[in-house]
Amino acid sequence: MKHITLPIRFGLVTTACLIAYFLILGIFNLNTNPMFSIFNGVITGFGIYETINYTKLKNDKDFNYTIGFQNGLITGFIASILFTIFFVVYATEIDPKFINKLLTVFSSDYNVHIGLVAFVVAVMGVTTTIVMTLTCMQFLKKSNNITQKA
């Protein structure tokens, strides 16, 4: 349990940042524009990077690729799951017309409901998590290269 508390904490902070960003966009009626969801990847990536970096600083001797990758995935999965839950609550309880406003960008011939949109949000979060964890680990992993002395 000791090893999982750090990614849980960073996952909760990342979730809070994602929710705050979504609500700030909502103030300006921009949360229905899918273009702004690109910044969600930046927020998630930063949370994952900080988790892995803090883990590396804390456990420099014991740090390896597996530990960093696990912590990054846990952080991102927690953020993705909790943000998806928030998104469903927001779209069904807080602003029931949100899905209709969101789908005006697309053709109205589709029969789309909250389940499909929530699934898309969750899949986007999980794929962002995997890609950002792999990317961050490339920067933070220990090198096996032997340094030559001149």
N, C-alpha and C. Protein backbone atom coordinates (compact mmCIF):
# COMPACT_ATOMS: atom_id res chain seq x y z
N MET A 1 0.82 -1.20 0.00
CA MET A 1 0.00 0.00 0.00
C MET A 1 0.86 1.25 0.00
N LYS A 2 2.04 1.15 0.58
CA LYS A 2 2.93 2.30 0.66
C LYS A 2 3.34 2.79 -0.72
N HIS A 3 3.51 1.88 -1.67
CA HIS A 3 3.98 2.24 -2.99
C HIS A 3 2.88 2.82 -3.88
N ILE A 4 1.64 2.63 -3.49
CA ILE A 4 0.54 3.08 -4.34
C ILE A 4 -0.03 4.43 -3.89
N THR A 5 0.35 4.90 -2.71
CA THR A 5 -0.22 6.16 -2.23
C THR A 5 0.21 7.36 -3.06
N LEU A 6 1.44 7.37 -3.52
CA LEU A 6 1.92 8.50 -4.34
C LEU A 6 1.13 8.63 -5.64
N PRO A 7 0.98 7.55 -6.44
CA PRO A 7 0.19 7.71 -7.67
C PRO A 7 -1.29 8.02 -7.41
N ILE A 8 -1.81 7.56 -6.29
CA ILE A 8 -3.21 7.90 -5.97
C ILE A 8 -3.32 9.39 -5.69
N ARG A 9 -2.39 9.93 -4.91
CA ARG A 9 -2.42 11.37 -4.61
C ARG A 9 -2.29 12.19 -5.89
N PHE A 10 -1.32 11.84 -6.73
CA PHE A 10 -1.14 12.58 -7.97
C PHE A 10 -2.33 12.37 -8.92
N GLY A 11 -2.95 11.20 -8.89
CA GLY A 11 -4.14 10.95 -9.70
C GLY A 11 -5.30 11.83 -9.27
N LEU A 12 -5.46 12.01 -7.97
CA LEU A 12 -6.53 12.88 -7.47
C LEU A 12 -6.27 14.34 -7.83
N VAL A 13 -5.02 14.78 -7.73
CA VAL A 13 -4.69 16.16 -8.10
C VAL A 13 -4.89 16.36 -9.61
N THR A 14 -4.48 15.39 -10.40
CA THR A 14 -4.68 15.48 -11.85
C THR A 14 -6.16 15.54 -12.18
N THR A 15 -6.97 14.74 -11.49
CA THR A 15 -8.42 14.77 -11.69
C THR A 15 -8.98 16.15 -11.36
N ALA A 16 -8.53 16.71 -10.26
CA ALA A 16 -9.01 18.04 -9.86
C ALA A 16 -8.64 19.08 -10.92
N CYS A 17 -7.46 18.97 -11.48
CA CYS A 17 -7.04 19.91 -12.53
C CYS A 17 -7.88 19.74 -13.79
N LEU A 18 -8.17 18.49 -14.17
CA LEU A 18 -9.00 18.24 -15.34
C LEU A 18 -10.41 18.79 -15.14
N ILE A 19 -10.97 18.58 -13.96
CA ILE A 19 -12.32 19.08 -13.66
C ILE A 19 -12.32 20.61 -13.66
N ALA A 20 -11.31 21.21 -13.04
CA ALA A 20 -11.24 22.68 -13.00
C ALA A 20 -11.14 23.25 -14.42
N TYR A 21 -10.31 22.63 -15.26
CA TYR A 21 -10.16 23.09 -16.64
C TYR A 21 -11.49 22.98 -17.39
N PHE A 22 -12.19 21.86 -17.21
CA PHE A 22 -13.48 21.66 -17.86
C PHE A 22 -14.49 22.72 -17.39
N LEU A 23 -14.53 22.99 -16.10
CA LEU A 23 -15.48 23.97 -15.58
C LEU A 23 -15.13 25.39 -16.01
N ILE A 24 -13.82 25.70 -16.09
CA ILE A 24 -13.42 27.02 -16.58
C ILE A 24 -13.83 27.18 -18.04
N LEU A 25 -13.65 26.14 -18.84
CA LEU A 25 -14.14 26.20 -20.22
C LEU A 25 -15.65 26.38 -20.25
N GLY A 26 -16.34 25.75 -19.31
CA GLY A 26 -17.80 25.86 -19.24
C GLY A 26 -18.27 27.28 -18.96
N ILE A 27 -17.48 28.03 -18.19
CA ILE A 27 -17.83 29.42 -17.91
C ILE A 27 -17.90 30.23 -19.20
N PHE A 28 -17.00 29.93 -20.13
CA PHE A 28 -16.95 30.64 -21.40
C PHE A 28 -17.68 29.90 -22.52
N ASN A 29 -18.47 28.88 -22.17
CA ASN A 29 -19.20 28.05 -23.13
C ASN A 29 -18.28 27.43 -24.18
N LEU A 30 -17.09 27.04 -23.78
CA LEU A 30 -16.14 26.41 -24.69
C LEU A 30 -15.98 24.92 -24.42
N ASN A 31 -16.67 24.40 -23.40
CA ASN A 31 -16.52 22.98 -23.08
C ASN A 31 -17.23 22.06 -24.07
N THR A 32 -17.97 22.62 -25.01
CA THR A 32 -18.59 21.80 -26.05
C THR A 32 -17.73 21.73 -27.30
N ASN A 33 -16.64 22.46 -27.32
CA ASN A 33 -15.73 22.44 -28.46
C ASN A 33 -14.66 21.37 -28.22
N PRO A 34 -14.68 20.28 -29.00
CA PRO A 34 -13.73 19.19 -28.78
C PRO A 34 -12.27 19.60 -28.96
N MET A 35 -12.02 20.70 -29.62
CA MET A 35 -10.65 21.16 -29.84
C MET A 35 -9.93 21.44 -28.53
N PHE A 36 -10.66 21.91 -27.53
CA PHE A 36 -10.05 22.26 -26.25
C PHE A 36 -9.71 21.03 -25.41
N SER A 37 -10.19 19.86 -25.80
CA SER A 37 -9.86 18.65 -25.04
C SER A 37 -8.41 18.22 -25.26
N ILE A 38 -7.74 18.82 -26.22
CA ILE A 38 -6.32 18.51 -26.44
C ILE A 38 -5.50 18.87 -25.20
N PHE A 39 -5.88 19.94 -24.53
CA PHE A 39 -5.14 20.35 -23.33
C PHE A 39 -5.31 19.36 -22.19
N ASN A 40 -6.34 18.50 -22.23
CA ASN A 40 -6.48 17.44 -21.24
C ASN A 40 -5.26 16.52 -21.26
N GLY A 41 -4.73 16.28 -22.45
CA GLY A 41 -3.52 15.46 -22.57
C GLY A 41 -2.32 16.11 -21.91
N VAL A 42 -2.24 17.43 -22.02
CA VAL A 42 -1.15 18.16 -21.37
C VAL A 42 -1.28 18.05 -19.85
N ILE A 43 -2.48 18.23 -19.35
CA ILE A 43 -2.71 18.13 -17.90
C ILE A 43 -2.40 16.73 -17.40
N THR A 44 -2.91 15.73 -18.09
CA THR A 44 -2.66 14.34 -17.70
C THR A 44 -1.18 14.01 -17.81
N GLY A 45 -0.56 14.43 -18.89
CA GLY A 45 0.86 14.18 -19.07
C GLY A 45 1.71 14.81 -17.99
N PHE A 46 1.37 16.03 -17.59
CA PHE A 46 2.12 16.69 -16.53
C PHE A 46 1.96 15.94 -15.21
N GLY A 47 0.74 15.49 -14.92
CA GLY A 47 0.51 14.72 -13.69
C GLY A 47 1.30 13.42 -13.68
N ILE A 48 1.33 12.74 -14.81
CA ILE A 48 2.08 11.49 -14.93
C ILE A 48 3.58 11.76 -14.81
N TYR A 49 4.06 12.80 -15.48
CA TYR A 49 5.47 13.14 -15.42
C TYR A 49 5.90 13.44 -13.99
N GLU A 50 5.10 14.23 -13.30
CA GLU A 50 5.45 14.58 -11.92
C GLU A 50 5.43 13.35 -11.01
N THR A 51 4.51 12.44 -11.23
CA THR A 51 4.47 11.21 -10.44
C THR A 51 5.74 10.40 -10.64
N ILE A 52 6.10 10.19 -11.89
CA ILE A 52 7.29 9.39 -12.19
C ILE A 52 8.54 10.09 -11.70
N ASN A 53 8.62 11.40 -11.91
CA ASN A 53 9.79 12.16 -11.49
C ASN A 53 9.93 12.13 -9.96
N TYR A 54 8.86 12.32 -9.24
CA TYR A 54 8.90 12.28 -7.78
C TYR A 54 9.27 10.89 -7.28
N THR A 55 8.75 9.86 -7.95
CA THR A 55 9.11 8.49 -7.59
C THR A 55 10.60 8.26 -7.81
N LYS A 56 11.13 8.78 -8.90
CA LYS A 56 12.55 8.62 -9.19
C LYS A 56 13.41 9.36 -8.16
N LEU A 57 13.00 10.57 -7.79
CA LEU A 57 13.76 11.32 -6.79
C LEU A 57 13.71 10.66 -5.42
N LYS A 58 12.56 10.09 -5.10
CA LYS A 58 12.36 9.48 -3.79
C LYS A 58 13.10 8.15 -3.67
N ASN A 59 13.11 7.35 -4.72
CA ASN A 59 13.69 6.01 -4.71
C ASN A 59 14.77 5.89 -5.78
N ASP A 60 15.75 6.74 -5.75
CA ASP A 60 16.74 6.76 -6.83
C ASP A 60 17.45 5.43 -6.99
N LYS A 61 17.81 4.79 -5.90
CA LYS A 61 18.53 3.51 -5.99
C LYS A 61 17.63 2.38 -6.48
N ASP A 62 16.40 2.37 -6.02
CA ASP A 62 15.47 1.28 -6.36
C ASP A 62 14.61 1.57 -7.58
N PHE A 63 14.75 2.75 -8.16
CA PHE A 63 13.90 3.13 -9.29
C PHE A 63 14.27 2.33 -10.53
N ASN A 64 13.24 1.76 -11.16
CA ASN A 64 13.45 1.08 -12.44
C ASN A 64 12.25 1.38 -13.34
N TYR A 65 12.33 0.90 -14.55
CA TYR A 65 11.31 1.18 -15.55
C TYR A 65 9.93 0.69 -15.09
N THR A 66 9.91 -0.47 -14.49
CA THR A 66 8.63 -1.07 -14.07
C THR A 66 7.93 -0.22 -13.02
N ILE A 67 8.68 0.23 -12.03
CA ILE A 67 8.08 1.05 -10.97
C ILE A 67 7.56 2.37 -11.54
N GLY A 68 8.36 3.02 -12.37
CA GLY A 68 7.92 4.28 -12.97
C GLY A 68 6.70 4.09 -13.86
N PHE A 69 6.72 3.04 -14.67
CA PHE A 69 5.60 2.78 -15.57
C PHE A 69 4.33 2.48 -14.79
N GLN A 70 4.44 1.68 -13.74
CA GLN A 70 3.27 1.36 -12.90
C GLN A 70 2.68 2.63 -12.29
N ASN A 71 3.53 3.46 -11.72
CA ASN A 71 3.04 4.67 -11.08
C ASN A 71 2.40 5.62 -12.08
N GLY A 72 2.97 5.73 -13.26
CA GLY A 72 2.37 6.56 -14.29
C GLY A 72 1.01 6.06 -14.73
N LEU A 73 0.90 4.74 -14.93
CA LEU A 73 -0.39 4.16 -15.32
C LEU A 73 -1.44 4.32 -14.24
N ILE A 74 -1.07 4.08 -13.00
CA ILE A 74 -2.03 4.22 -11.90
C ILE A 74 -2.53 5.65 -11.81
N THR A 75 -1.61 6.60 -11.90
CA THR A 75 -2.00 8.02 -11.85
C THR A 75 -2.97 8.35 -12.97
N GLY A 76 -2.64 7.97 -14.19
CA GLY A 76 -3.49 8.28 -15.33
C GLY A 76 -4.83 7.57 -15.30
N PHE A 77 -4.83 6.30 -14.88
CA PHE A 77 -6.09 5.56 -14.82
C PHE A 77 -7.02 6.16 -13.77
N ILE A 78 -6.47 6.53 -12.63
CA ILE A 78 -7.31 7.14 -11.59
C ILE A 78 -7.90 8.45 -12.11
N ALA A 79 -7.06 9.28 -12.74
CA ALA A 79 -7.55 10.54 -13.28
C ALA A 79 -8.61 10.31 -14.36
N SER A 80 -8.38 9.33 -15.23
CA SER A 80 -9.34 9.06 -16.31
C SER A 80 -10.67 8.56 -15.78
N ILE A 81 -10.62 7.64 -14.84
CA ILE A 81 -11.86 7.06 -14.29
C ILE A 81 -12.66 8.12 -13.53
N LEU A 82 -11.98 8.86 -12.67
CA LEU A 82 -12.69 9.87 -11.88
C LEU A 82 -13.22 11.01 -12.75
N PHE A 83 -12.45 11.42 -13.77
CA PHE A 83 -12.94 12.46 -14.65
C PHE A 83 -14.14 11.96 -15.47
N THR A 84 -14.11 10.70 -15.89
CA THR A 84 -15.26 10.14 -16.62
C THR A 84 -16.50 10.12 -15.75
N ILE A 85 -16.33 9.75 -14.48
CA ILE A 85 -17.47 9.77 -13.54
C ILE A 85 -18.01 11.19 -13.40
N PHE A 86 -17.10 12.16 -13.23
CA PHE A 86 -17.52 13.56 -13.15
C PHE A 86 -18.25 13.97 -14.42
N PHE A 87 -17.71 13.59 -15.57
CA PHE A 87 -18.31 13.96 -16.85
C PHE A 87 -19.74 13.42 -16.96
N VAL A 88 -19.95 12.18 -16.56
CA VAL A 88 -21.29 11.59 -16.61
C VAL A 88 -22.24 12.33 -15.68
N VAL A 89 -21.78 12.62 -14.47
CA VAL A 89 -22.63 13.37 -13.53
C VAL A 89 -22.94 14.76 -14.08
N TYR A 90 -21.94 15.41 -14.63
CA TYR A 90 -22.15 16.75 -15.19
C TYR A 90 -23.16 16.69 -16.34
N ALA A 91 -22.99 15.74 -17.25
CA ALA A 91 -23.83 15.67 -18.44
C ALA A 91 -25.25 15.19 -18.14
N THR A 92 -25.44 14.48 -17.05
CA THR A 92 -26.78 13.98 -16.74
C THR A 92 -27.50 14.78 -15.67
N GLU A 93 -26.77 15.30 -14.69
CA GLU A 93 -27.41 15.97 -13.57
C GLU A 93 -27.24 17.49 -13.57
N ILE A 94 -26.05 17.96 -13.85
CA ILE A 94 -25.78 19.39 -13.74
C ILE A 94 -26.27 20.13 -15.00
N ASP A 95 -25.94 19.62 -16.16
CA ASP A 95 -26.35 20.25 -17.43
C ASP A 95 -26.90 19.18 -18.37
N PRO A 96 -28.17 18.81 -18.21
CA PRO A 96 -28.73 17.73 -19.04
C PRO A 96 -28.74 18.02 -20.54
N LYS A 97 -28.64 19.27 -20.94
CA LYS A 97 -28.62 19.62 -22.36
C LYS A 97 -27.20 19.62 -22.93
N PHE A 98 -26.21 19.27 -22.10
CA PHE A 98 -24.82 19.33 -22.51
C PHE A 98 -24.53 18.41 -23.70
N ILE A 99 -25.04 17.19 -23.68
CA ILE A 99 -24.78 16.23 -24.76
C ILE A 99 -25.33 16.76 -26.08
N ASN A 100 -26.52 17.33 -26.05
CA ASN A 100 -27.08 17.90 -27.28
C ASN A 100 -26.24 19.06 -27.79
N LYS A 101 -25.75 19.91 -26.88
CA LYS A 101 -24.89 21.03 -27.29
C LYS A 101 -23.56 20.50 -27.83
N LEU A 102 -23.05 19.45 -27.22
CA LEU A 102 -21.78 18.87 -27.65
C LEU A 102 -21.90 18.27 -29.05
N LEU A 103 -23.02 17.63 -29.32
CA LEU A 103 -23.19 16.92 -30.58
C LEU A 103 -23.66 17.81 -31.72
N THR A 104 -23.91 19.09 -31.47
CA THR A 104 -24.29 19.98 -32.57
C THR A 104 -23.12 20.18 -33.53
N VAL A 105 -21.92 19.89 -33.08
CA VAL A 105 -20.74 19.98 -33.95
C VAL A 105 -20.82 18.91 -35.04
N PHE A 106 -21.41 17.79 -34.70
CA PHE A 106 -21.49 16.65 -35.61
C PHE A 106 -22.86 16.61 -36.26
N SER A 107 -23.03 15.70 -37.18
CA SER A 107 -24.31 15.53 -37.85
C SER A 107 -25.36 15.04 -36.86
N SER A 108 -26.56 15.48 -37.02
CA SER A 108 -27.63 15.10 -36.10
C SER A 108 -28.29 13.77 -36.48
N ASP A 109 -27.73 13.08 -37.46
CA ASP A 109 -28.31 11.81 -37.88
C ASP A 109 -27.96 10.66 -36.93
N TYR A 110 -27.02 10.88 -36.04
CA TYR A 110 -26.57 9.81 -35.15
C TYR A 110 -27.43 9.76 -33.90
N ASN A 111 -27.66 8.57 -33.42
CA ASN A 111 -28.39 8.37 -32.17
C ASN A 111 -27.35 8.13 -31.08
N VAL A 112 -26.89 9.20 -30.46
CA VAL A 112 -25.82 9.13 -29.47
C VAL A 112 -26.42 9.44 -28.10
N HIS A 113 -26.05 8.64 -27.11
CA HIS A 113 -26.52 8.87 -25.75
C HIS A 113 -25.31 8.97 -24.82
N ILE A 114 -25.56 9.21 -23.57
CA ILE A 114 -24.50 9.48 -22.59
C ILE A 114 -23.54 8.30 -22.45
N GLY A 115 -24.03 7.09 -22.60
CA GLY A 115 -23.16 5.91 -22.47
C GLY A 115 -22.04 5.90 -23.50
N LEU A 116 -22.37 6.22 -24.72
CA LEU A 116 -21.37 6.25 -25.79
C LEU A 116 -20.37 7.39 -25.59
N VAL A 117 -20.88 8.55 -25.20
CA VAL A 117 -19.99 9.69 -24.97
C VAL A 117 -19.06 9.41 -23.78
N ALA A 118 -19.59 8.82 -22.72
CA ALA A 118 -18.77 8.49 -21.56
C ALA A 118 -17.71 7.45 -21.93
N PHE A 119 -18.08 6.50 -22.76
CA PHE A 119 -17.12 5.49 -23.23
C PHE A 119 -15.99 6.16 -24.01
N VAL A 120 -16.33 7.10 -24.88
CA VAL A 120 -15.31 7.81 -25.67
C VAL A 120 -14.40 8.61 -24.74
N VAL A 121 -14.97 9.28 -23.74
CA VAL A 121 -14.16 10.05 -22.79
C VAL A 121 -13.21 9.11 -22.04
N ALA A 122 -13.69 7.96 -21.61
CA ALA A 122 -12.86 7.01 -20.87
C ALA A 122 -11.75 6.45 -21.77
N VAL A 123 -12.07 6.09 -22.99
CA VAL A 123 -11.05 5.55 -23.91
C VAL A 123 -10.00 6.61 -24.22
N MET A 124 -10.43 7.84 -24.43
CA MET A 124 -9.46 8.92 -24.67
C MET A 124 -8.53 9.10 -23.47
N GLY A 125 -9.08 9.00 -22.27
CA GLY A 125 -8.26 9.13 -21.07
C GLY A 125 -7.27 8.00 -20.92
N VAL A 126 -7.71 6.78 -21.19
CA VAL A 126 -6.82 5.62 -21.06
C VAL A 126 -5.72 5.66 -22.12
N THR A 127 -6.06 5.99 -23.34
CA THR A 127 -5.02 6.05 -24.38
C THR A 127 -4.04 7.18 -24.11
N THR A 128 -4.54 8.31 -23.64
CA THR A 128 -3.64 9.40 -23.26
C THR A 128 -2.70 8.95 -22.15
N THR A 129 -3.24 8.21 -21.19
CA THR A 129 -2.43 7.70 -20.08
C THR A 129 -1.31 6.81 -20.58
N ILE A 130 -1.62 5.88 -21.44
CA ILE A 130 -0.61 4.94 -21.93
C ILE A 130 0.46 5.67 -22.73
N VAL A 131 0.05 6.53 -23.63
CA VAL A 131 1.02 7.25 -24.47
C VAL A 131 1.88 8.18 -23.63
N MET A 132 1.28 8.91 -22.72
CA MET A 132 2.06 9.85 -21.90
C MET A 132 2.98 9.13 -20.92
N THR A 133 2.56 7.98 -20.41
CA THR A 133 3.43 7.22 -19.52
C THR A 133 4.65 6.70 -20.29
N LEU A 134 4.43 6.16 -21.46
CA LEU A 134 5.55 5.70 -22.28
C LEU A 134 6.49 6.85 -22.63
N THR A 135 5.92 8.00 -22.96
CA THR A 135 6.74 9.17 -23.30
C THR A 135 7.55 9.65 -22.11
N CYS A 136 6.90 9.79 -20.97
CA CYS A 136 7.60 10.28 -19.77
C CYS A 136 8.70 9.32 -19.33
N MET A 137 8.46 8.04 -19.46
CA MET A 137 9.47 7.07 -19.04
C MET A 137 10.71 7.13 -19.92
N GLN A 138 10.56 7.56 -21.16
CA GLN A 138 11.74 7.70 -22.02
C GLN A 138 12.65 8.81 -21.51
N PHE A 139 12.07 9.82 -20.91
CA PHE A 139 12.88 10.91 -20.37
C PHE A 139 13.46 10.58 -19.00
N LEU A 140 12.75 9.77 -18.22
CA LEU A 140 13.13 9.58 -16.83
C LEU A 140 13.77 8.23 -16.51
N LYS A 141 13.84 7.33 -17.47
CA LYS A 141 14.41 6.01 -17.17
C LYS A 141 15.93 6.11 -16.99
N LYS A 142 16.45 5.15 -16.27
CA LYS A 142 17.90 5.08 -16.10
C LYS A 142 18.52 4.56 -17.38
N SER A 143 19.63 5.14 -17.76
CA SER A 143 20.31 4.72 -18.95
C SER A 143 21.24 3.55 -18.65
N ASN A 144 21.31 2.59 -19.55
CA ASN A 144 22.21 1.45 -19.42
C ASN A 144 23.50 1.67 -20.21
N ASN A 145 23.62 2.84 -20.80
CA ASN A 145 24.82 3.15 -21.58
C ASN A 145 26.01 3.35 -20.66
N ILE A 146 27.14 2.86 -21.09
CA ILE A 146 28.36 3.02 -20.32
C ILE A 146 29.03 4.33 -20.75
N THR A 147 29.34 5.15 -19.79
CA THR A 147 29.99 6.42 -20.11
C THR A 147 31.49 6.19 -20.23
N GLN A 148 32.08 6.77 -21.23
CA GLN A 148 33.52 6.63 -21.44
C GLN A 148 34.24 7.82 -20.88
N LYS A 149 35.33 7.57 -20.21
CA LYS A 149 36.13 8.65 -19.66
C LYS A 149 37.22 9.01 -20.67
N ALA A 150 37.44 10.27 -20.84
CA ALA A 150 38.45 10.73 -21.81
C ALA A 150 39.83 10.79 -21.22
